Amino acid sequence: MTTENDFQPPAKEYKYPEIEEQFMEVQEPPLIYVTQRYTYADYLTWADDKMREIIDGFVYFFSAPLRRHAKAVSSFIIKSGSYIHKRKGKCEIYTAPFDVRLPMNGEIADDKIYNVVQPDICVVCDPAKLDDRGCIGAPDLIAEVVSPSTSKRDMNEKFFLYEKVGVSEYWIIHPENKEVTVFILQSDGKYNAGTTYKLGQGTNKIPVKTLEGLMIDLKELFAE
């Protein structure tokens, strides 16, 4: 997601430190550190029209995606949605803005939820997790379409959050590089090392584990 102004938590050890070098030329918004942590209860009181997420109690604002970003999301949604519809599957697919609340330790009260995200794409196969306000609990699949200014968050803060809450399949889609990295949750509760697919190198089709039999074609995903 393209950011405007981020409230960021203190620096952490990143899973992908090389991202900083890869996008050194990108001018990030200034960091603003806050000590207060916010919850979903706070989130519900914010009446303005700004788009935001909460990760570990810290607020991140974001703006409308770039055209290339939006096109990749649209391609994935059309392909997956058609697949689910034709097979009358129980899974449902959503795109931002769509609130996904990620409780920790079974704490589902609004004032105990410190993680509320709006993934670019999420697939939910358990109808019990869906309510009028969105999704509560881990979706089966989440895909984030990254930009240089959000790569660090998608590959680190969100990576570890999605791993911790049990998102079974996590896609990181890079329109700039025309590549996708897919992480699958293992029996030990950790993601595997990830499999990267790059347009024009090897196979152009990616299997979707959550939707057995579905293949996403990189040529369609990154069509100009």
C-alpha atoms as a PDB file:
ATOM      1  CA  MET A   1       0.000   0.000   0.000  1.00  0.00           C
ATOM      2  CA  THR A   2       1.253   3.495  -0.732  1.00  0.00           C
ATOM      3  CA  THR A   3       1.834   5.464   2.451  1.00  0.00           C
ATOM      4  CA  GLU A   4       1.304   9.076   3.407  1.00  0.00           C
ATOM      5  CA  ASN A   5       2.384   9.391   6.990  1.00  0.00           C
ATOM      6  CA  ASP A   6       3.356   6.515   9.259  1.00  0.00           C
ATOM      7  CA  PHE A   7       3.304   6.189  12.994  1.00  0.00           C
ATOM      8  CA  GLN A   8       6.009   3.534  13.333  1.00  0.00           C
ATOM      9  CA  PRO A   9       6.987   1.321  16.272  1.00  0.00           C
ATOM     10  CA  PRO A  10      10.598   1.307  17.458  1.00  0.00           C
ATOM     11  CA  ALA A  11      13.112  -0.259  15.097  1.00  0.00           C
ATOM     12  CA  LYS A  12      13.227  -4.038  14.964  1.00  0.00           C
ATOM     13  CA  GLU A  13      15.546  -6.643  13.553  1.00  0.00           C
ATOM     14  CA  TYR A  14      14.293  -7.053   9.990  1.00  0.00           C
ATOM     15  CA  LYS A  15      13.929 -10.310   8.151  1.00  0.00           C
ATOM     16  CA  TYR A  16      14.937  -8.603   4.881  1.00  0.00           C
ATOM     17  CA  PRO A  17      17.558  -5.911   5.717  1.00  0.00           C
ATOM     18  CA  GLU A  18      18.656  -5.760   2.069  1.00  0.00           C
ATOM     19  CA  ILE A  19      15.424  -3.939   1.248  1.00  0.00           C
ATOM     20  CA  GLU A  20      16.930  -0.767   2.751  1.00  0.00           C
ATOM     21  CA  GLU A  21      19.754  -0.820   0.196  1.00  0.00           C
ATOM     22  CA  GLN A  22      17.514  -1.779  -2.707  1.00  0.00           C
ATOM     23  CA  PHE A  23      15.309   1.276  -2.212  1.00  0.00           C
ATOM     24  CA  MET A  24      17.805   3.786  -0.784  1.00  0.00           C
ATOM     25  CA  GLU A  25      16.722   6.419  -3.290  1.00  0.00           C
ATOM     26  CA  VAL A  26      13.134   6.393  -1.997  1.00  0.00           C
ATOM     27  CA  GLN A  27      12.348   9.258   0.354  1.00  0.00           C
ATOM     28  CA  GLU A  28      10.400   7.813   3.274  1.00  0.00           C
ATOM     29  CA  PRO A  29       8.069  10.012   5.341  1.00  0.00           C
ATOM     30  CA  PRO A  30       9.636  11.176   8.627  1.00  0.00           C
ATOM     31  CA  LEU A  31       9.202   8.783  11.532  1.00  0.00           C
ATOM     32  CA  ILE A  32       6.942   9.884  14.360  1.00  0.00           C
ATOM     33  CA  TYR A  33       7.307   7.860  17.527  1.00  0.00           C
ATOM     34  CA  VAL A  34       4.423   7.566  19.952  1.00  0.00           C
ATOM     35  CA  THR A  35       4.183   5.794  23.265  1.00  0.00           C
ATOM     36  CA  GLN A  36       0.431   5.187  23.272  1.00  0.00           C
ATOM     37  CA  ARG A  37      -0.821   1.986  21.719  1.00  0.00           C
ATOM     38  CA  TYR A  38      -4.225   1.950  20.082  1.00  0.00           C
ATOM     39  CA  THR A  39      -6.893  -0.735  19.832  1.00  0.00           C
ATOM     40  CA  TYR A  40      -9.793  -1.578  17.564  1.00  0.00           C
ATOM     41  CA  ALA A  41     -12.046   0.278  20.034  1.00  0.00           C
ATOM     42  CA  ASP A  42     -10.058   3.456  19.323  1.00  0.00           C
ATOM     43  CA  TYR A  43     -10.148   2.719  15.606  1.00  0.00           C
ATOM     44  CA  LEU A  44     -13.944   2.706  15.662  1.00  0.00           C
ATOM     45  CA  THR A  45     -14.054   6.227  17.133  1.00  0.00           C
ATOM     46  CA  TRP A  46     -12.021   7.838  14.324  1.00  0.00           C
ATOM     47  CA  ALA A  47     -14.678   9.523  12.208  1.00  0.00           C
ATOM     48  CA  ASP A  48     -12.478  11.014   9.480  1.00  0.00           C
ATOM     49  CA  ASP A  49     -12.088   9.382   6.084  1.00  0.00           C
ATOM     50  CA  LYS A  50      -8.362   8.585   6.368  1.00  0.00           C
ATOM     51  CA  MET A  51      -7.340   5.018   5.611  1.00  0.00           C
ATOM     52  CA  ARG A  52      -5.299   3.426   8.359  1.00  0.00           C
ATOM     53  CA  GLU A  53      -4.174   0.158   9.931  1.00  0.00           C
ATOM     54  CA  ILE A  54      -3.052  -0.740  13.449  1.00  0.00           C
ATOM     55  CA  ILE A  55      -0.120  -3.111  13.902  1.00  0.00           C
ATOM     56  CA  ASP A  56       0.850  -4.007  17.464  1.00  0.00           C
ATOM     57  CA  GLY A  57      -1.021  -0.910  18.624  1.00  0.00           C
ATOM     58  CA  PHE A  58       0.775   1.517  16.279  1.00  0.00           C
ATOM     59  CA  VAL A  59      -1.113   3.430  13.600  1.00  0.00           C
ATOM     60  CA  TYR A  60      -0.115   3.463   9.921  1.00  0.00           C
ATOM     61  CA  PHE A  61      -1.852   5.658   7.360  1.00  0.00           C
ATOM     62  CA  PHE A  62      -2.001   4.757   3.695  1.00  0.00           C
ATOM     63  CA  SER A  63      -3.409   6.234   0.508  1.00  0.00           C
ATOM     64  CA  ALA A  64      -4.888   4.985  -2.748  1.00  0.00           C
ATOM     65  CA  PRO A  65      -2.628   2.571  -4.631  1.00  0.00           C
ATOM     66  CA  LEU A  66      -0.729   3.312  -7.823  1.00  0.00           C
ATOM     67  CA  ARG A  67      -2.304   2.112 -11.079  1.00  0.00           C
ATOM     68  CA  ARG A  68       0.123  -0.800 -11.488  1.00  0.00           C
ATOM     69  CA  HIS A  69      -0.596  -1.854  -7.909  1.00  0.00           C
ATOM     70  CA  ALA A  70      -4.368  -1.657  -8.420  1.00  0.00           C
ATOM     71  CA  LYS A  71      -4.157  -3.612 -11.665  1.00  0.00           C
ATOM     72  CA  ALA A  72      -2.319  -6.522 -10.009  1.00  0.00           C
ATOM     73  CA  VAL A  73      -4.960  -6.633  -7.263  1.00  0.00           C
ATOM     74  CA  SER A  74      -7.757  -6.574  -9.845  1.00  0.00           C
ATOM     75  CA  SER A  75      -6.180  -9.388 -11.855  1.00  0.00           C
ATOM     76  CA  PHE A  76      -5.822 -11.620  -8.784  1.00  0.00           C
ATOM     77  CA  ILE A  77      -9.378 -10.878  -7.630  1.00  0.00           C
ATOM     78  CA  ILE A  78     -10.944 -11.592 -11.038  1.00  0.00           C
ATOM     79  CA  LYS A  79      -9.088 -14.885 -11.486  1.00  0.00           C
ATOM     80  CA  SER A  80      -9.657 -16.137  -7.938  1.00  0.00           C
ATOM     81  CA  GLY A  81     -13.240 -14.906  -7.679  1.00  0.00           C
ATOM     82  CA  SER A  82     -14.187 -16.629 -10.924  1.00  0.00           C
ATOM     83  CA  TYR A  83     -12.531 -19.858  -9.745  1.00  0.00           C
ATOM     84  CA  ILE A  84     -14.439 -19.817  -6.437  1.00  0.00           C
ATOM     85  CA  HIS A  85     -17.760 -18.973  -8.122  1.00  0.00           C
ATOM     86  CA  LYS A  86     -17.497 -21.719 -10.743  1.00  0.00           C
ATOM     87  CA  ARG A  87     -16.748 -24.341  -8.117  1.00  0.00           C
ATOM     88  CA  LYS A  88     -19.316 -23.014  -5.645  1.00  0.00           C
ATOM     89  CA  GLY A  89     -16.610 -22.930  -3.015  1.00  0.00           C
ATOM     90  CA  LYS A  90     -17.122 -21.846   0.584  1.00  0.00           C
ATOM     91  CA  CYS A  91     -14.190 -19.414   0.457  1.00  0.00           C
ATOM     92  CA  GLU A  92     -14.760 -15.693  -0.037  1.00  0.00           C
ATOM     93  CA  ILE A  93     -12.290 -13.150  -1.382  1.00  0.00           C
ATOM     94  CA  TYR A  94     -12.028  -9.500  -0.323  1.00  0.00           C
ATOM     95  CA  THR A  95      -9.904  -6.491  -1.149  1.00  0.00           C
ATOM     96  CA  ALA A  96      -9.114  -3.295   0.750  1.00  0.00           C
ATOM     97  CA  PRO A  97     -10.768  -1.407   2.265  1.00  0.00           C
ATOM     98  CA  PHE A  98     -11.818  -4.406   4.348  1.00  0.00           C
ATOM     99  CA  ASP A  99     -11.055  -4.600   8.065  1.00  0.00           C
ATOM    100  CA  VAL A 100      -9.293  -7.733   9.257  1.00  0.00           C
ATOM    101  CA  ARG A 101      -9.041  -7.888  13.060  1.00  0.00           C
ATOM    102  CA  LEU A 102      -6.285 -10.147  14.340  1.00  0.00           C
ATOM    103  CA  PRO A 103      -6.808 -10.941  18.038  1.00  0.00           C
ATOM    104  CA  MET A 104      -4.020 -12.337  20.191  1.00  0.00           C
ATOM    105  CA  ASN A 105      -4.398 -14.927  22.940  1.00  0.00           C
ATOM    106  CA  GLY A 106      -8.121 -15.267  22.346  1.00  0.00           C
ATOM    107  CA  GLU A 107      -8.812 -11.643  23.339  1.00  0.00           C
ATOM    108  CA  ILE A 108     -11.661 -10.661  21.007  1.00  0.00           C
ATOM    109  CA  ALA A 109     -13.046  -7.620  22.858  1.00  0.00           C
ATOM    110  CA  ASP A 110     -12.666  -4.443  20.781  1.00  0.00           C
ATOM    111  CA  ASP A 111     -10.428  -2.817  23.384  1.00  0.00           C
ATOM    112  CA  LYS A 112      -8.121  -5.864  23.462  1.00  0.00           C
ATOM    113  CA  ILE A 113      -7.438  -6.090  19.729  1.00  0.00           C
ATOM    114  CA  TYR A 114      -4.177  -4.313  18.801  1.00  0.00           C
ATOM    115  CA  ASN A 115      -3.987  -5.438  15.179  1.00  0.00           C
ATOM    116  CA  VAL A 116      -6.389  -4.259  12.485  1.00  0.00           C
ATOM    117  CA  VAL A 117      -5.141  -4.523   8.912  1.00  0.00           C
ATOM    118  CA  GLN A 118      -6.558  -3.954   5.460  1.00  0.00           C
ATOM    119  CA  PRO A 119      -4.762  -6.435   3.207  1.00  0.00           C
ATOM    120  CA  ASP A 120      -4.762  -5.778  -0.502  1.00  0.00           C
ATOM    121  CA  ILE A 121      -6.279  -9.247  -0.933  1.00  0.00           C
ATOM    122  CA  CYS A 122      -7.528 -11.816   1.558  1.00  0.00           C
ATOM    123  CA  VAL A 123      -9.270 -15.155   1.180  1.00  0.00           C
ATOM    124  CA  VAL A 124     -11.426 -16.392   4.059  1.00  0.00           C
ATOM    125  CA  CYS A 125     -12.688 -19.974   4.001  1.00  0.00           C
ATOM    126  CA  ASP A 126     -14.258 -20.111   7.476  1.00  0.00           C
ATOM    127  CA  PRO A 127     -17.605 -18.242   7.427  1.00  0.00           C
ATOM    128  CA  ALA A 128     -17.549 -18.053  11.240  1.00  0.00           C
ATOM    129  CA  LYS A 129     -14.762 -15.473  10.926  1.00  0.00           C
ATOM    130  CA  LEU A 130     -16.913 -13.086   8.884  1.00  0.00           C
ATOM    131  CA  ASP A 131     -19.276 -10.524  10.368  1.00  0.00           C
ATOM    132  CA  ASP A 132     -20.764  -7.181   9.370  1.00  0.00           C
ATOM    133  CA  ARG A 133     -17.541  -5.365  10.279  1.00  0.00           C
ATOM    134  CA  GLY A 134     -15.234  -7.580   8.218  1.00  0.00           C
ATOM    135  CA  CYS A 135     -13.120 -10.516   9.356  1.00  0.00           C
ATOM    136  CA  ILE A 136     -12.064 -11.448  12.872  1.00  0.00           C
ATOM    137  CA  GLY A 137      -9.289 -14.019  12.943  1.00  0.00           C
ATOM    138  CA  ALA A 138      -6.643 -15.078  10.453  1.00  0.00           C
ATOM    139  CA  PRO A 139      -7.682 -15.322   6.786  1.00  0.00           C
ATOM    140  CA  ASP A 140      -6.492 -18.429   4.959  1.00  0.00           C
ATOM    141  CA  LEU A 141      -4.570 -16.367   2.408  1.00  0.00           C
ATOM    142  CA  ILE A 142      -3.320 -12.791   2.400  1.00  0.00           C
ATOM    143  CA  ALA A 143      -1.615 -11.055  -0.512  1.00  0.00           C
ATOM    144  CA  GLU A 144       0.083  -7.670  -0.223  1.00  0.00           C
ATOM    145  CA  VAL A 145       1.123  -5.715  -3.317  1.00  0.00           C
ATOM    146  CA  VAL A 146       4.176  -3.742  -2.266  1.00  0.00           C
ATOM    147  CA  SER A 147       5.734  -0.459  -3.306  1.00  0.00           C
ATOM    148  CA  PRO A 148       9.251   0.759  -2.418  1.00  0.00           C
ATOM    149  CA  SER A 149       7.908   2.776   0.510  1.00  0.00           C
ATOM    150  CA  THR A 150       5.982  -0.168   2.031  1.00  0.00           C
ATOM    151  CA  SER A 151       8.262  -3.142   1.288  1.00  0.00           C
ATOM    152  CA  LYS A 152       9.849  -3.045   4.730  1.00  0.00           C
ATOM    153  CA  ARG A 153       6.472  -3.191   6.478  1.00  0.00           C
ATOM    154  CA  ASP A 154       5.005  -5.900   4.253  1.00  0.00           C
ATOM    155  CA  MET A 155       8.144  -8.040   4.534  1.00  0.00           C
ATOM    156  CA  ASN A 156       8.720  -7.543   8.230  1.00  0.00           C
ATOM    157  CA  GLU A 157       6.003  -6.207  10.547  1.00  0.00           C
ATOM    158  CA  LYS A 158       3.213  -7.805   8.544  1.00  0.00           C
ATOM    159  CA  PHE A 159       5.231 -10.934   7.777  1.00  0.00           C
ATOM    160  CA  PHE A 160       5.736 -11.678  11.482  1.00  0.00           C
ATOM    161  CA  LEU A 161       2.184 -10.643  12.395  1.00  0.00           C
ATOM    162  CA  TYR A 162       0.624 -12.928   9.778  1.00  0.00           C
ATOM    163  CA  GLU A 163       2.926 -15.747  10.810  1.00  0.00           C
ATOM    164  CA  LYS A 164       2.060 -15.316  14.485  1.00  0.00           C
ATOM    165  CA  VAL A 165      -1.715 -15.288  13.999  1.00  0.00           C
ATOM    166  CA  GLY A 166      -1.629 -18.263  11.614  1.00  0.00           C
ATOM    167  CA  VAL A 167      -2.277 -16.972   8.092  1.00  0.00           C
ATOM    168  CA  SER A 168      -1.657 -20.172   6.126  1.00  0.00           C
ATOM    169  CA  GLU A 169      -0.507 -18.596   2.872  1.00  0.00           C
ATOM    170  CA  TYR A 170       1.137 -15.188   2.421  1.00  0.00           C
ATOM    171  CA  TRP A 171       1.857 -13.684  -0.994  1.00  0.00           C
ATOM    172  CA  ILE A 172       4.136 -10.677  -1.450  1.00  0.00           C
ATOM    173  CA  ILE A 173       3.593  -9.237  -4.936  1.00  0.00           C
ATOM    174  CA  HIS A 174       6.213  -6.902  -6.437  1.00  0.00           C
ATOM    175  CA  PRO A 175       4.857  -5.054  -9.503  1.00  0.00           C
ATOM    176  CA  GLU A 176       8.142  -3.157  -9.923  1.00  0.00           C
ATOM    177  CA  ASN A 177      10.191  -6.385 -10.199  1.00  0.00           C
ATOM    178  CA  LYS A 178       7.362  -8.432 -11.733  1.00  0.00           C
ATOM    179  CA  GLU A 179       7.817 -11.148  -9.154  1.00  0.00           C
ATOM    180  CA  VAL A 180       5.860 -12.868  -6.394  1.00  0.00           C
ATOM    181  CA  THR A 181       7.140 -14.591  -3.256  1.00  0.00           C
ATOM    182  CA  VAL A 182       4.820 -17.111  -1.616  1.00  0.00           C
ATOM    183  CA  PHE A 183       5.227 -18.206   2.002  1.00  0.00           C
ATOM    184  CA  ILE A 184       3.444 -21.276   3.381  1.00  0.00           C
ATOM    185  CA  LEU A 185       2.893 -21.795   7.111  1.00  0.00           C
ATOM    186  CA  GLN A 186       4.505 -24.987   8.380  1.00  0.00           C
ATOM    187  CA  SER A 187       3.460 -27.354  11.168  1.00  0.00           C
ATOM    188  CA  ASP A 188       5.788 -25.563  13.602  1.00  0.00           C
ATOM    189  CA  GLY A 189       3.852 -22.324  13.128  1.00  0.00           C
ATOM    190  CA  LYS A 190       6.598 -20.677  11.065  1.00  0.00           C
ATOM    191  CA  TYR A 191       6.646 -19.724   7.409  1.00  0.00           C
ATOM    192  CA  ASN A 192       8.934 -21.628   5.081  1.00  0.00           C
ATOM    193  CA  ALA A 193      11.797 -19.845   3.293  1.00  0.00           C
ATOM    194  CA  GLY A 194       9.391 -18.775   0.556  1.00  0.00           C
ATOM    195  CA  THR A 195       9.255 -19.528  -3.157  1.00  0.00           C
ATOM    196  CA  THR A 196       9.877 -16.660  -5.575  1.00  0.00           C
ATOM    197  CA  TYR A 197       8.387 -16.597  -9.067  1.00  0.00           C
ATOM    198  CA  LYS A 198       9.642 -14.009 -11.551  1.00  0.00           C
ATOM    199  CA  LEU A 199       8.061 -13.195 -14.893  1.00  0.00           C
ATOM    200  CA  GLY A 200      10.155 -14.631 -17.708  1.00  0.00           C
ATOM    201  CA  GLN A 201      12.248 -16.860 -15.447  1.00  0.00           C
ATOM    202  CA  GLY A 202      11.056 -20.443 -15.186  1.00  0.00           C
ATOM    203  CA  THR A 203       7.336 -21.106 -14.864  1.00  0.00           C
ATOM    204  CA  ASN A 204       4.963 -18.167 -15.140  1.00  0.00           C
ATOM    205  CA  LYS A 205       2.181 -19.930 -13.255  1.00  0.00           C
ATOM    206  CA  ILE A 206       1.851 -20.004  -9.471  1.00  0.00           C
ATOM    207  CA  PRO A 207      -0.292 -22.577  -7.629  1.00  0.00           C
ATOM    208  CA  VAL A 208      -2.631 -21.211  -4.968  1.00  0.00           C
ATOM    209  CA  LYS A 209      -2.533 -23.700  -2.106  1.00  0.00           C
ATOM    210  CA  THR A 210      -5.633 -22.265  -0.429  1.00  0.00           C
ATOM    211  CA  LEU A 211      -7.668 -22.706  -3.621  1.00  0.00           C
ATOM    212  CA  GLU A 212      -6.521 -26.111  -4.814  1.00  0.00           C
ATOM    213  CA  GLY A 213      -6.250 -26.299  -8.586  1.00  0.00           C
ATOM    214  CA  LEU A 214      -6.072 -22.533  -9.168  1.00  0.00           C
ATOM    215  CA  MET A 215      -3.017 -21.149 -10.951  1.00  0.00           C
ATOM    216  CA  ILE A 216      -2.176 -17.452 -11.135  1.00  0.00           C
ATOM    217  CA  ASP A 217      -0.425 -16.482 -14.381  1.00  0.00           C
ATOM    218  CA  LEU A 218       2.310 -13.868 -13.937  1.00  0.00           C
ATOM    219  CA  LYS A 219       1.700 -12.621 -17.483  1.00  0.00           C
ATOM    220  CA  GLU A 220      -1.879 -11.726 -16.483  1.00  0.00           C
ATOM    221  CA  LEU A 221      -0.912 -10.445 -13.040  1.00  0.00           C
ATOM    222  CA  PHE A 222       1.647  -8.002 -14.452  1.00  0.00           C
ATOM    223  CA  ALA A 223       0.015  -7.222 -17.813  1.00  0.00           C
ATOM    224  CA  GLU A 224       0.623  -3.654 -18.941  1.00  0.00           C
END
